[in-house]
Amino acid sequence: MDASPNQIWIIALGDQKPLKITPDNLDADRPLMSPNGRYVAFAGRFINESGFRGNALLFIHDLKSGTRTIYQDAGHFHDYVVIPLHWKSQSMLEVLTDHGETGGHEKITYVEIQ
């Protein structure tokens, strides 16, 4: 496995303790905090034992409950990209997805947290 995949850490203002919100086998990037500070959305790819990075996935970590939810579309390819763009509200996230090496397959979607 890659010796140093990108990880996401946060520091809560109340207790000032660092908290890692990504598992060790995840290469993560593009963190985006919700307006109320409860959720952190980010993109990531799991890394297998051979060091191969899997498909891009969207994660939303709930800082209140400590749960992490994975969102994905069917049929991802290895060159698929997912980018959390903007929180439309406290529970609605705007996401850019793109698949294909040549581009031109970009799509804006919305993820609503239940």
N, C-alpha and C. Protein backbone atom coordinates (compact mmCIF):
# COMPACT_ATOMS: atom_id res chain seq x y z
N MET A 1 0.84 -1.17 0.00
CA MET A 1 0.00 0.00 0.00
C MET A 1 0.88 1.24 0.00
N ASP A 2 0.37 2.29 -0.61
CA ASP A 2 1.08 3.58 -0.66
C ASP A 2 1.42 4.00 0.76
N ALA A 3 2.64 4.45 0.97
CA ALA A 3 3.09 4.81 2.32
C ALA A 3 2.38 6.03 2.87
N SER A 4 1.92 6.92 2.01
CA SER A 4 1.32 8.14 2.53
C SER A 4 0.17 8.64 1.66
N PRO A 5 -0.98 7.94 1.69
CA PRO A 5 -2.13 8.48 0.95
C PRO A 5 -2.60 9.77 1.61
N ASN A 6 -3.25 10.62 0.85
CA ASN A 6 -3.78 11.86 1.40
C ASN A 6 -4.88 11.55 2.40
N GLN A 7 -4.81 12.15 3.56
CA GLN A 7 -5.80 11.96 4.62
C GLN A 7 -6.43 13.30 4.96
N ILE A 8 -7.61 13.25 5.56
CA ILE A 8 -8.29 14.47 5.97
C ILE A 8 -8.43 14.48 7.48
N TRP A 9 -7.93 15.54 8.09
CA TRP A 9 -8.01 15.76 9.53
C TRP A 9 -8.75 17.07 9.76
N ILE A 10 -9.47 17.16 10.85
CA ILE A 10 -10.10 18.41 11.23
C ILE A 10 -9.76 18.70 12.69
N ILE A 11 -9.91 19.94 13.08
CA ILE A 11 -9.75 20.31 14.48
C ILE A 11 -11.02 21.02 14.90
N ALA A 12 -11.73 20.44 15.84
CA ALA A 12 -12.97 21.04 16.33
C ALA A 12 -12.62 22.24 17.20
N LEU A 13 -13.35 23.31 17.04
CA LEU A 13 -13.06 24.53 17.80
C LEU A 13 -13.26 24.33 19.29
N GLY A 14 -14.21 23.51 19.68
CA GLY A 14 -14.50 23.32 21.10
C GLY A 14 -13.38 22.68 21.87
N ASP A 15 -12.89 21.53 21.40
CA ASP A 15 -11.88 20.81 22.18
C ASP A 15 -10.47 20.90 21.60
N GLN A 16 -10.32 21.46 20.41
CA GLN A 16 -9.02 21.67 19.78
C GLN A 16 -8.23 20.38 19.52
N LYS A 17 -8.90 19.23 19.57
CA LYS A 17 -8.22 17.96 19.31
C LYS A 17 -8.31 17.62 17.83
N PRO A 18 -7.20 17.18 17.22
CA PRO A 18 -7.27 16.75 15.82
C PRO A 18 -8.05 15.44 15.70
N LEU A 19 -8.85 15.33 14.64
CA LEU A 19 -9.65 14.15 14.39
C LEU A 19 -9.47 13.74 12.94
N LYS A 20 -8.98 12.53 12.71
CA LYS A 20 -8.83 12.01 11.35
C LYS A 20 -10.17 11.42 10.94
N ILE A 21 -10.71 11.88 9.81
CA ILE A 21 -12.02 11.39 9.38
C ILE A 21 -11.94 10.44 8.20
N THR A 22 -10.75 10.08 7.77
CA THR A 22 -10.58 9.14 6.66
C THR A 22 -9.89 7.87 7.14
N PRO A 23 -10.28 6.71 6.59
CA PRO A 23 -9.59 5.48 6.95
C PRO A 23 -8.19 5.45 6.34
N ASP A 24 -7.33 4.60 6.89
CA ASP A 24 -5.94 4.52 6.44
C ASP A 24 -5.80 4.13 4.97
N ASN A 25 -6.73 3.33 4.45
CA ASN A 25 -6.60 2.83 3.08
C ASN A 25 -7.36 3.69 2.07
N LEU A 26 -7.55 4.96 2.39
CA LEU A 26 -8.27 5.86 1.49
C LEU A 26 -7.38 7.03 1.12
N ASP A 27 -7.25 7.29 -0.18
CA ASP A 27 -6.56 8.48 -0.67
C ASP A 27 -7.64 9.53 -0.89
N ALA A 28 -7.70 10.55 -0.05
CA ALA A 28 -8.81 11.50 -0.03
C ALA A 28 -8.36 12.90 -0.42
N ASP A 29 -9.30 13.67 -0.97
CA ASP A 29 -9.00 15.06 -1.30
C ASP A 29 -10.29 15.87 -1.41
N ARG A 30 -10.15 17.15 -1.62
CA ARG A 30 -11.24 18.10 -1.85
C ARG A 30 -12.25 18.18 -0.71
N PRO A 31 -11.81 18.32 0.54
CA PRO A 31 -12.77 18.42 1.64
C PRO A 31 -13.57 19.72 1.55
N LEU A 32 -14.84 19.62 1.96
CA LEU A 32 -15.74 20.77 1.93
C LEU A 32 -16.69 20.68 3.12
N MET A 33 -16.55 21.62 4.05
CA MET A 33 -17.36 21.64 5.27
C MET A 33 -18.72 22.25 4.99
N SER A 34 -19.77 21.65 5.57
CA SER A 34 -21.12 22.21 5.42
C SER A 34 -21.21 23.54 6.17
N PRO A 35 -22.18 24.40 5.80
CA PRO A 35 -22.28 25.72 6.43
C PRO A 35 -22.46 25.66 7.95
N ASN A 36 -23.14 24.62 8.45
CA ASN A 36 -23.35 24.52 9.90
C ASN A 36 -22.21 23.77 10.61
N GLY A 37 -21.20 23.32 9.85
CA GLY A 37 -20.05 22.64 10.43
C GLY A 37 -20.30 21.20 10.85
N ARG A 38 -21.45 20.64 10.50
CA ARG A 38 -21.76 19.26 10.90
C ARG A 38 -21.18 18.22 9.95
N TYR A 39 -21.15 18.51 8.65
CA TYR A 39 -20.74 17.52 7.66
C TYR A 39 -19.46 17.95 6.95
N VAL A 40 -18.65 16.96 6.59
CA VAL A 40 -17.50 17.19 5.73
C VAL A 40 -17.67 16.28 4.52
N ALA A 41 -17.79 16.87 3.35
CA ALA A 41 -17.85 16.11 2.11
C ALA A 41 -16.45 16.06 1.53
N PHE A 42 -16.09 14.95 0.92
CA PHE A 42 -14.78 14.84 0.27
C PHE A 42 -14.81 13.72 -0.75
N ALA A 43 -13.85 13.75 -1.66
CA ALA A 43 -13.68 12.70 -2.65
C ALA A 43 -12.59 11.76 -2.16
N GLY A 44 -12.62 10.53 -2.64
CA GLY A 44 -11.58 9.60 -2.24
C GLY A 44 -11.58 8.33 -3.07
N ARG A 45 -10.46 7.65 -3.04
CA ARG A 45 -10.29 6.36 -3.71
C ARG A 45 -9.65 5.39 -2.72
N PHE A 46 -10.29 4.24 -2.54
CA PHE A 46 -9.70 3.22 -1.68
C PHE A 46 -8.47 2.64 -2.37
N ILE A 47 -7.46 2.30 -1.58
CA ILE A 47 -6.21 1.73 -2.08
C ILE A 47 -6.15 0.27 -1.64
N ASN A 48 -5.93 -0.63 -2.61
CA ASN A 48 -5.84 -2.05 -2.23
C ASN A 48 -4.42 -2.41 -1.79
N GLU A 49 -4.21 -3.67 -1.45
CA GLU A 49 -2.91 -4.13 -0.94
C GLU A 49 -1.78 -3.96 -1.94
N SER A 50 -2.10 -3.93 -3.24
CA SER A 50 -1.08 -3.75 -4.27
C SER A 50 -0.78 -2.28 -4.55
N GLY A 51 -1.49 -1.37 -3.87
CA GLY A 51 -1.26 0.05 -4.07
C GLY A 51 -2.12 0.64 -5.17
N PHE A 52 -3.02 -0.15 -5.75
CA PHE A 52 -3.89 0.33 -6.82
C PHE A 52 -5.04 1.13 -6.23
N ARG A 53 -5.28 2.32 -6.78
CA ARG A 53 -6.39 3.17 -6.33
C ARG A 53 -7.65 2.79 -7.09
N GLY A 54 -8.72 2.59 -6.37
CA GLY A 54 -9.99 2.20 -6.96
C GLY A 54 -10.74 3.39 -7.54
N ASN A 55 -12.00 3.19 -7.78
CA ASN A 55 -12.86 4.21 -8.36
C ASN A 55 -13.05 5.38 -7.41
N ALA A 56 -13.24 6.57 -7.98
CA ALA A 56 -13.49 7.78 -7.19
C ALA A 56 -14.89 7.70 -6.59
N LEU A 57 -14.98 8.06 -5.33
CA LEU A 57 -16.23 8.03 -4.59
C LEU A 57 -16.43 9.35 -3.87
N LEU A 58 -17.67 9.66 -3.56
CA LEU A 58 -18.00 10.82 -2.75
C LEU A 58 -18.33 10.33 -1.34
N PHE A 59 -17.73 10.97 -0.34
CA PHE A 59 -17.97 10.62 1.06
C PHE A 59 -18.56 11.83 1.77
N ILE A 60 -19.46 11.57 2.70
CA ILE A 60 -19.93 12.62 3.59
C ILE A 60 -19.81 12.09 5.01
N HIS A 61 -19.00 12.79 5.79
CA HIS A 61 -18.75 12.40 7.18
C HIS A 61 -19.59 13.30 8.09
N ASP A 62 -20.39 12.68 8.94
CA ASP A 62 -21.23 13.40 9.90
C ASP A 62 -20.43 13.53 11.20
N LEU A 63 -20.02 14.74 11.52
CA LEU A 63 -19.20 14.95 12.71
C LEU A 63 -19.98 14.75 14.00
N LYS A 64 -21.29 14.92 13.95
CA LYS A 64 -22.11 14.73 15.15
C LYS A 64 -22.24 13.26 15.52
N SER A 65 -22.54 12.42 14.53
CA SER A 65 -22.74 10.99 14.81
C SER A 65 -21.48 10.17 14.60
N GLY A 66 -20.50 10.71 13.85
CA GLY A 66 -19.28 9.97 13.55
C GLY A 66 -19.42 9.00 12.39
N THR A 67 -20.57 9.01 11.70
CA THR A 67 -20.78 8.09 10.58
C THR A 67 -20.28 8.69 9.28
N ARG A 68 -19.88 7.82 8.39
CA ARG A 68 -19.41 8.21 7.06
C ARG A 68 -20.26 7.48 6.04
N THR A 69 -20.82 8.23 5.08
CA THR A 69 -21.65 7.64 4.04
C THR A 69 -20.92 7.77 2.71
N ILE A 70 -21.01 6.73 1.90
CA ILE A 70 -20.39 6.72 0.58
C ILE A 70 -21.50 6.84 -0.46
N TYR A 71 -21.32 7.77 -1.40
CA TYR A 71 -22.26 7.95 -2.49
C TYR A 71 -21.53 7.63 -3.79
N GLN A 72 -22.18 6.87 -4.67
CA GLN A 72 -21.57 6.56 -5.95
C GLN A 72 -22.65 6.31 -6.99
N ASP A 73 -22.30 6.56 -8.24
CA ASP A 73 -23.16 6.21 -9.36
C ASP A 73 -22.73 4.85 -9.87
N ALA A 74 -23.64 4.16 -10.52
CA ALA A 74 -23.29 2.87 -11.12
C ALA A 74 -22.38 3.09 -12.32
N GLY A 75 -21.52 2.14 -12.58
CA GLY A 75 -20.70 2.17 -13.78
C GLY A 75 -19.53 3.12 -13.76
N HIS A 76 -18.94 3.34 -12.61
CA HIS A 76 -17.75 4.19 -12.55
C HIS A 76 -16.59 3.53 -13.28
N PHE A 77 -15.81 4.35 -13.93
CA PHE A 77 -14.57 3.89 -14.54
C PHE A 77 -13.42 4.40 -13.70
N HIS A 78 -12.23 3.87 -13.94
CA HIS A 78 -11.07 4.29 -13.16
C HIS A 78 -10.76 5.77 -13.37
N ASP A 79 -11.10 6.32 -14.52
CA ASP A 79 -10.81 7.72 -14.79
C ASP A 79 -11.93 8.66 -14.35
N TYR A 80 -12.88 8.15 -13.62
CA TYR A 80 -14.01 8.93 -13.11
C TYR A 80 -13.51 9.92 -12.05
N VAL A 81 -14.09 11.12 -12.04
CA VAL A 81 -13.73 12.16 -11.08
C VAL A 81 -15.00 12.64 -10.40
N VAL A 82 -14.91 12.88 -9.11
CA VAL A 82 -16.03 13.45 -8.36
C VAL A 82 -15.48 14.61 -7.52
N ILE A 83 -16.20 15.74 -7.57
CA ILE A 83 -15.73 16.94 -6.87
C ILE A 83 -16.89 17.57 -6.11
N PRO A 84 -16.84 17.58 -4.77
CA PRO A 84 -17.85 18.33 -4.04
C PRO A 84 -17.64 19.82 -4.30
N LEU A 85 -18.68 20.49 -4.81
CA LEU A 85 -18.52 21.88 -5.23
C LEU A 85 -19.02 22.91 -4.23
N HIS A 86 -20.25 22.71 -3.77
CA HIS A 86 -20.89 23.78 -3.02
C HIS A 86 -22.05 23.22 -2.21
N TRP A 87 -22.16 23.64 -0.97
CA TRP A 87 -23.32 23.28 -0.15
C TRP A 87 -24.45 24.24 -0.50
N LYS A 88 -25.53 23.75 -1.10
CA LYS A 88 -26.69 24.58 -1.45
C LYS A 88 -27.51 24.93 -0.21
N SER A 89 -27.44 24.07 0.80
CA SER A 89 -28.12 24.27 2.07
C SER A 89 -27.37 23.45 3.11
N GLN A 90 -27.91 23.34 4.32
CA GLN A 90 -27.27 22.55 5.37
C GLN A 90 -27.20 21.06 5.01
N SER A 91 -28.10 20.62 4.11
CA SER A 91 -28.16 19.18 3.81
C SER A 91 -28.16 18.86 2.32
N MET A 92 -27.91 19.85 1.46
CA MET A 92 -27.90 19.62 0.01
C MET A 92 -26.55 20.03 -0.56
N LEU A 93 -25.86 19.07 -1.18
CA LEU A 93 -24.52 19.27 -1.72
C LEU A 93 -24.56 19.22 -3.24
N GLU A 94 -23.94 20.22 -3.87
CA GLU A 94 -23.79 20.22 -5.33
C GLU A 94 -22.47 19.51 -5.66
N VAL A 95 -22.52 18.58 -6.60
CA VAL A 95 -21.37 17.74 -6.92
C VAL A 95 -21.14 17.73 -8.43
N LEU A 96 -19.88 17.87 -8.83
CA LEU A 96 -19.50 17.73 -10.23
C LEU A 96 -18.95 16.33 -10.43
N THR A 97 -19.45 15.64 -11.43
CA THR A 97 -18.89 14.33 -11.79
C THR A 97 -18.42 14.40 -13.23
N ASP A 98 -17.39 13.65 -13.52
CA ASP A 98 -16.86 13.59 -14.88
C ASP A 98 -16.29 12.19 -15.08
N HIS A 99 -16.56 11.63 -16.24
CA HIS A 99 -15.95 10.34 -16.57
C HIS A 99 -15.47 10.38 -18.01
N GLY A 100 -14.41 9.72 -18.24
CA GLY A 100 -13.84 9.67 -19.59
C GLY A 100 -12.59 10.51 -19.69
N GLU A 101 -11.58 9.95 -20.32
CA GLU A 101 -10.30 10.62 -20.47
C GLU A 101 -10.40 11.90 -21.29
N THR A 102 -11.34 11.96 -22.21
CA THR A 102 -11.41 13.10 -23.11
C THR A 102 -12.23 14.25 -22.54
N GLY A 103 -12.83 14.06 -21.38
CA GLY A 103 -13.67 15.12 -20.81
C GLY A 103 -14.99 15.21 -21.55
N GLY A 104 -15.71 16.26 -21.30
CA GLY A 104 -16.98 16.43 -21.99
C GLY A 104 -18.10 15.60 -21.42
N HIS A 105 -17.84 14.89 -20.36
CA HIS A 105 -18.86 14.06 -19.73
C HIS A 105 -19.24 14.62 -18.36
N GLU A 106 -19.03 15.90 -18.18
CA GLU A 106 -19.26 16.52 -16.88
C GLU A 106 -20.76 16.64 -16.60
N LYS A 107 -21.10 16.44 -15.34
CA LYS A 107 -22.49 16.50 -14.94
C LYS A 107 -22.57 17.06 -13.53
N ILE A 108 -23.50 17.98 -13.30
CA ILE A 108 -23.76 18.48 -11.96
C ILE A 108 -24.90 17.66 -11.37
N THR A 109 -24.67 17.14 -10.19
CA THR A 109 -25.72 16.41 -9.48
C THR A 109 -25.86 17.00 -8.09
N TYR A 110 -26.90 16.58 -7.40
CA TYR A 110 -27.15 17.05 -6.04
C TYR A 110 -27.32 15.85 -5.13
N VAL A 111 -26.68 15.90 -3.98
CA VAL A 111 -26.80 14.86 -2.98
C VAL A 111 -27.48 15.48 -1.77
N GLU A 112 -28.57 14.85 -1.34
CA GLU A 112 -29.28 15.34 -0.16
C GLU A 112 -29.05 14.38 0.98
N ILE A 113 -28.65 14.92 2.10
CA ILE A 113 -28.40 14.11 3.29
C ILE A 113 -29.72 13.90 4.02
N GLN A 114 -30.00 12.68 4.34
CA GLN A 114 -31.27 12.36 5.03
C GLN A 114 -31.13 12.48 6.52
